Protein backbone atom coordinates (compact mmCIF):
# COMPACT_ATOMS: atom_id res chain seq x y z
CA MET A 1 78.61 40.63 -43.24
CA ASN A 2 76.72 38.08 -45.11
CA TRP A 3 72.48 37.97 -45.20
CA LEU A 4 72.23 34.63 -43.05
CA ASP A 5 74.11 37.08 -40.45
CA PHE A 6 72.18 39.94 -40.21
CA LEU A 7 68.84 38.73 -40.04
CA GLU A 8 70.18 36.39 -37.10
CA LYS A 9 71.04 39.72 -35.81
CA TRP A 10 68.56 40.86 -36.40
CA SER A 11 66.31 38.13 -35.09
CA GLN A 12 68.10 37.58 -31.93
CA GLU A 13 67.44 41.50 -31.57
CA ALA A 14 63.71 41.13 -31.62
CA LEU A 15 63.36 38.60 -29.72
CA GLU A 16 65.60 40.64 -27.12
CA ILE A 17 62.38 43.22 -27.53
CA LEU A 18 59.50 40.85 -27.29
CA SER A 19 60.83 38.56 -24.54
CA PRO A 20 59.52 40.28 -21.81
CA LEU A 21 56.38 40.50 -23.70
CA GLN A 22 55.36 36.92 -23.53
CA LYS A 23 55.66 37.20 -19.25
CA GLU A 24 52.77 39.81 -19.38
CA GLU A 25 49.41 38.75 -18.28
CA ASN A 26 48.00 39.62 -21.48
CA ILE A 27 49.79 39.09 -24.71
CA SER A 28 46.39 39.20 -26.68
CA HIS A 29 47.92 42.39 -28.00
CA LEU A 30 50.30 40.61 -30.00
CA THR A 31 49.91 39.34 -33.95
CA GLU A 32 49.76 35.76 -34.86
CA SER A 33 53.56 36.34 -35.81
CA GLU A 34 54.98 37.63 -32.94
CA LEU A 35 53.91 35.36 -31.12
CA GLU A 36 54.95 32.20 -33.99
CA PHE A 37 58.42 34.26 -33.10
CA LEU A 38 58.42 33.86 -29.50
CA THR A 39 57.58 30.31 -29.79
CA THR A 40 60.13 29.28 -32.65
CA LYS A 41 62.65 32.34 -31.36
CA THR A 42 63.86 33.19 -34.69
CA LEU A 43 62.30 35.54 -38.02
CA LEU A 44 64.07 33.36 -40.17
CA LYS A 45 61.88 30.43 -41.87
CA PRO A 46 63.60 27.19 -43.35
CA PRO A 47 64.51 27.10 -46.81
CA ALA A 48 61.87 26.40 -48.87
CA THR A 49 61.77 22.31 -50.61
CA PRO A 50 62.24 22.17 -54.05
CA SER A 51 58.20 20.64 -54.50
CA GLN A 52 57.38 23.72 -52.53
CA ILE A 53 59.24 25.62 -55.33
CA GLU A 54 57.30 23.55 -58.17
CA ASN A 55 54.05 23.88 -56.35
CA LEU A 56 54.59 28.04 -56.39
CA GLU A 57 56.03 27.75 -60.10
CA ASN A 58 52.70 25.78 -60.61
CA ARG A 59 50.46 28.27 -59.33
CA LEU A 60 52.62 31.04 -60.81
CA LYS A 61 51.96 29.84 -64.18
CA LYS A 62 55.74 30.93 -64.05
CA LYS A 63 59.10 29.43 -63.79
CA LEU A 64 61.39 32.05 -60.64
CA PRO A 65 64.20 33.11 -62.05
CA PRO A 66 67.59 30.81 -60.70
CA SER A 67 68.44 33.80 -58.34
CA LEU A 68 64.83 33.66 -56.38
CA ILE A 69 65.28 29.81 -56.60
CA ASN A 70 68.52 29.77 -54.92
CA TYR A 71 67.41 32.79 -52.64
CA LEU A 72 64.42 30.71 -51.65
CA SER A 73 66.49 27.36 -51.18
């Protein structure tokens, strides 16, 4: 199983756990991340754009290794 398959499976399992909580009248105990997850239905974030990676490198004042750039994009 590759990472994307694993993360998609993990996302679905987490959604099955959290979805019933969304139906409760009081969801104020959920974190912002949990509410975002329930809205988007995935734990996965879109890949970083080249511009976002460049901005990160500028903020860090370091070039990211190719392996990390590959992971982020």
